[in-house]
Protein backbone atom coordinates (compact mmCIF):
# COMPACT_ATOMS: atom_id res chain seq x y z
CA MET A 1 10.77 -22.45 2.51
CA SER A 2 7.87 -24.12 4.28
CA GLY A 3 4.53 -24.16 2.42
CA LEU A 4 2.54 -23.90 5.64
CA LYS A 5 -0.37 -21.48 5.74
CA ILE A 6 -0.29 -18.83 8.44
CA GLN A 7 -3.23 -20.39 10.31
CA HIS A 8 -1.44 -23.74 10.35
CA ILE A 9 1.74 -22.13 11.68
CA LEU A 10 -0.20 -20.49 14.51
CA THR A 11 -1.89 -23.78 15.37
CA LEU A 12 1.34 -25.78 15.34
CA ALA A 13 3.13 -23.11 17.38
CA TYR A 14 0.42 -23.25 20.03
CA LEU A 15 0.50 -27.05 20.10
CA LEU A 16 4.29 -26.99 20.51
CA SER A 17 3.98 -24.56 23.42
CA LYS A 18 1.60 -27.00 25.15
CA GLY A 19 3.97 -29.98 24.82
CA ALA A 20 2.57 -31.72 21.73
CA ARG A 21 6.04 -32.44 20.34
CA TYR A 22 6.39 -35.72 22.26
CA ASN A 23 2.96 -36.31 23.80
CA PHE A 24 -0.70 -36.30 22.93
CA ILE A 25 -2.23 -33.25 24.59
CA THR A 26 -5.94 -32.83 25.23
CA ILE A 27 -7.50 -29.57 24.11
CA THR A 28 -10.90 -28.36 22.96
CA THR A 29 -11.33 -26.62 19.65
CA SER A 30 -12.83 -23.70 21.60
CA GLU A 31 -9.62 -23.40 23.62
CA LEU A 32 -7.50 -23.65 20.49
CA GLY A 33 -9.60 -21.07 18.67
CA LYS A 34 -9.34 -18.63 21.56
CA ASN A 35 -5.55 -18.89 21.67
CA ILE A 36 -5.00 -18.48 17.92
CA LYS A 37 -7.65 -15.73 17.64
CA LYS A 38 -9.96 -17.81 15.46
CA SER A 39 -13.45 -19.24 15.83
CA GLN A 40 -14.06 -22.72 17.21
CA GLN A 41 -15.14 -23.83 13.74
CA SER A 42 -11.94 -22.49 12.16
CA ALA A 43 -9.78 -24.18 14.80
CA SER A 44 -11.52 -27.48 14.12
CA LYS A 45 -10.95 -27.05 10.40
CA HIS A 46 -7.27 -26.28 10.93
CA LEU A 47 -6.77 -29.48 12.89
CA MET A 48 -8.47 -31.53 10.18
CA GLU A 49 -6.31 -29.92 7.50
CA LEU A 50 -3.15 -30.56 9.51
CA GLU A 51 -4.17 -34.16 10.02
CA ASN A 52 -4.89 -34.60 6.30
CA ASP A 53 -1.41 -33.27 5.55
CA ARG A 54 0.04 -35.69 8.13
CA LEU A 55 1.38 -32.83 10.23
CA VAL A 56 -0.52 -33.89 13.37
CA LYS A 57 -2.18 -37.00 14.75
CA ARG A 58 -5.58 -36.69 16.39
CA ALA A 59 -7.59 -38.81 18.83
CA ILE A 60 -11.17 -37.55 19.32
CA ASP A 61 -13.29 -38.19 22.41
CA GLY A 62 -16.51 -36.15 22.25
CA ARG A 63 -15.58 -32.45 22.20
CA ASN A 64 -12.11 -33.22 23.52
CA VAL A 65 -9.34 -33.69 21.01
CA SER A 66 -5.97 -35.19 21.82
CA VAL A 67 -3.29 -34.00 19.42
CA MET A 68 0.37 -34.75 18.84
CA ILE A 69 2.64 -33.18 16.23
CA THR A 70 4.16 -35.68 13.80
CA GLU A 71 7.79 -35.79 12.74
CA LYS A 72 6.74 -34.18 9.46
CA GLY A 73 4.94 -31.39 11.30
CA TYR A 74 7.90 -30.73 13.56
CA SER A 75 10.29 -30.78 10.59
CA GLU A 76 8.19 -28.16 8.80
CA MET A 77 8.31 -25.87 11.83
CA VAL A 78 12.09 -26.33 12.11
CA LYS A 79 12.48 -25.31 8.45
CA LEU A 80 10.32 -22.25 9.03
CA SER A 81 12.31 -21.33 12.14
CA ALA A 82 15.57 -21.53 10.18
CA VAL A 83 14.23 -19.26 7.43
CA LEU A 84 12.97 -16.72 9.96
CA GLN A 85 16.25 -16.73 11.90
CA LYS A 86 18.24 -16.21 8.70
CA SER A 87 16.00 -13.30 7.73
CA LEU A 88 16.30 -11.71 11.16
CA ASP A 89 20.07 -12.10 11.25
CA SER A 90 20.50 -10.54 7.81
CA SER A 91 18.02 -7.70 8.20
CA VAL A 92 19.17 -4.22 7.24
CA ALA A 93 20.16 -2.35 10.39
CA ASP A 94 20.19 1.15 8.90
CA VAL A 95 17.35 3.62 9.30
CA LYS A 96 17.08 5.76 6.16
CA LEU A 97 15.53 9.21 6.31
CA GLU A 98 14.98 11.92 3.72
CA GLY A 99 13.90 15.52 3.93
CA LYS A 100 14.57 19.19 3.20
CA LEU A 101 16.81 21.62 5.05
CA VAL A 102 14.95 24.30 6.98
CA SER A 103 15.98 27.16 9.23
CA GLY A 104 16.14 26.42 12.93
CA MET A 105 15.18 28.71 15.79
CA GLY A 106 18.75 29.91 16.28
CA GLU A 107 19.17 28.13 19.61
CA GLY A 108 21.38 25.28 18.42
CA ALA A 109 24.60 27.27 18.43
CA TYR A 110 24.01 28.40 22.00
CA TYR A 111 23.23 24.97 23.39
CA MET A 112 25.98 23.16 21.47
CA SER A 113 28.51 25.61 22.94
CA LEU A 114 27.61 25.07 26.61
CA LYS A 115 30.53 23.56 28.53
CA GLY A 116 28.21 21.14 30.29
CA TYR A 117 27.59 19.60 26.87
CA THR A 118 30.88 20.17 25.06
CA ARG A 119 32.95 18.33 27.68
CA GLN A 120 30.71 15.30 27.32
CA PHE A 121 30.61 15.47 23.53
CA LYS A 122 34.41 15.44 23.45
CA THR A 123 34.58 12.42 25.73
CA LYS A 124 31.63 10.41 24.44
CA ILE A 125 31.48 11.03 20.68
CA GLY A 126 35.08 12.10 20.20
CA TYR A 127 34.65 15.71 19.12
CA VAL A 128 33.07 19.03 20.01
CA PRO A 129 30.32 19.71 17.44
CA PHE A 130 30.30 22.75 15.20
CA PRO A 131 28.07 25.31 16.96
CA GLY A 132 24.53 24.91 15.71
CA THR A 133 22.33 22.10 14.45
CA LEU A 134 21.21 21.18 10.96
CA ASN A 135 17.43 21.03 10.84
CA VAL A 136 15.78 18.66 8.36
CA ARG A 137 12.05 18.48 7.79
CA LEU A 138 10.88 14.92 7.12
CA ASP A 139 8.14 15.29 4.54
CA LYS A 140 7.11 11.63 4.29
CA LYS A 141 4.98 9.92 6.92
CA ALA A 142 7.11 6.75 6.68
CA HIS A 143 10.18 8.72 7.75
CA ARG A 144 8.32 10.53 10.53
CA ASP A 145 7.15 7.17 11.83
CA ALA A 146 10.65 5.69 11.56
CA ILE A 147 12.22 8.42 13.68
CA ARG A 148 10.09 7.50 16.69
CA GLN A 149 12.05 4.32 17.33
CA PHE A 150 15.02 6.44 18.44
CA ASP A 151 13.01 7.65 21.43
CA LEU A 152 13.40 4.21 23.01
CA ALA A 153 16.83 3.37 21.58
CA GLU A 154 19.84 3.71 23.87
CA GLY A 155 22.22 5.82 21.77
CA ILE A 156 25.10 7.72 23.37
CA LYS A 157 23.74 9.64 26.34
CA ILE A 158 24.88 13.19 27.01
CA ASP A 159 23.62 13.84 30.53
CA GLY A 160 21.63 16.88 31.50
CA PHE A 161 23.15 19.36 33.94
CA SER A 162 22.53 22.57 35.87
CA ASP A 163 24.54 25.79 35.78
CA GLY A 164 23.08 26.96 39.08
CA LYS A 165 20.44 29.10 37.41
CA ARG A 166 18.68 26.65 35.11
CA THR A 167 18.77 23.03 34.15
CA PHE A 168 19.47 21.61 30.71
CA GLY A 169 18.05 18.29 29.49
CA TRP A 170 19.83 15.22 28.25
CA VAL A 171 20.78 14.59 24.64
CA LYS A 172 21.02 11.21 22.91
CA CYS A 173 23.36 10.87 19.92
CA PHE A 174 23.14 8.38 17.06
CA GLY A 175 25.99 8.31 14.56
CA GLY A 176 25.00 8.60 10.91
CA ILE A 177 25.98 9.91 7.51
CA ILE A 178 24.43 12.59 5.31
CA ASN A 179 24.29 12.12 1.53
CA ASP A 180 26.70 9.18 1.88
CA SER A 181 29.57 11.59 2.58
CA ILE A 182 29.25 13.70 5.73
CA LYS A 183 29.54 12.07 9.13
CA CYS A 184 27.02 13.37 11.63
CA GLU A 185 25.05 12.61 14.77
CA LEU A 186 21.29 12.56 14.95
CA ILE A 187 20.39 14.11 18.30
CA ILE A 188 17.26 13.35 20.29
CA LEU A 189 16.60 15.99 22.94
CA GLU A 190 14.85 15.62 26.26
CA ARG A 191 13.38 19.07 25.64
CA THR A 192 12.59 20.24 22.14
CA HIS A 193 10.27 22.64 20.38
CA HIS A 194 10.14 20.40 17.32
CA GLY A 195 7.72 17.58 16.67
CA ASP A 196 8.48 14.38 14.79
CA SER A 197 8.56 16.24 11.47
CA ILE A 198 11.91 17.95 12.13
CA ILE A 199 15.15 16.25 13.12
CA GLU A 200 18.39 17.88 14.28
CA LEU A 201 21.86 16.84 13.24
CA ILE A 202 25.30 17.85 14.49
CA SER A 203 28.75 17.30 13.06
CA LYS A 204 32.39 18.18 13.64
CA THR A 205 32.24 20.66 10.77
CA CYS A 206 29.59 23.00 9.36
CA ILE A 207 27.37 20.61 7.44
CA ARG A 208 25.88 23.32 5.23
CA LYS A 209 29.33 24.48 4.11
CA THR A 210 30.83 21.01 3.74
CA GLY A 211 27.88 19.72 1.74
CA LYS A 212 27.20 22.98 -0.12
CA LEU A 213 23.65 22.91 1.21
CA LYS A 214 21.03 25.59 1.68
CA ASN A 215 17.43 25.83 2.81
CA GLY A 216 15.32 23.64 0.57
CA SER A 217 18.17 21.27 -0.30
CA ARG A 218 17.10 17.65 -0.15
CA VAL A 219 19.26 15.38 1.96
CA SER A 220 19.33 11.71 2.83
CA ILE A 221 20.46 10.44 6.21
CA LYS A 222 21.51 6.88 7.04
CA ILE A 223 21.66 5.91 10.71
CA PRO A 224 22.64 2.46 11.98
CA LEU A 225 20.26 1.39 14.72
CA ALA A 226 21.53 -1.35 17.02
CA SER A 227 19.00 -4.04 17.87
């Protein structure tokens, strides 16, 4: 792992973006400081430290500084890039949520039974869900924050429709598992009465019965989130 300090990484990254890998480039320390969100004095200090560590070469002409990254400097950035790429490639792709079962508003069974939805569920997720949704209250802020990323995620889209009298919004489904044993789908609704504190889950079977759950039972949910 590279021993570069964060301010040195930012400086070298900016220099690379300006073409300093193969050529001396002319910049002012004010310009450098502005682009790495540091003061002019800090930028000047960073360049001196990089030069002392033989990571860059400098040629000074008044306030103008010509800089080129050395082979050592480039090698350090390549090492850092490899470590970052390995970390990104091996990152855990599951979102883990925890909470308590609560009573819903009694609308889940009605909506999950509408033909406009059930036909699509059968085709797109492979089954018609048990009528009703399992409502879980997320009691930790970290979990409430984590759930927001599903708003922008693609998921499996169940399109909205109209029955001639009213329209029904879309539903996005994200496959998951409850308590490491019950397959389910987290559903994100276009229209919902719940805030971020309550999530809704559907499954092929009655989750409460299958998992022997009741209001107040604590559950954990694991949901793979594609990048």
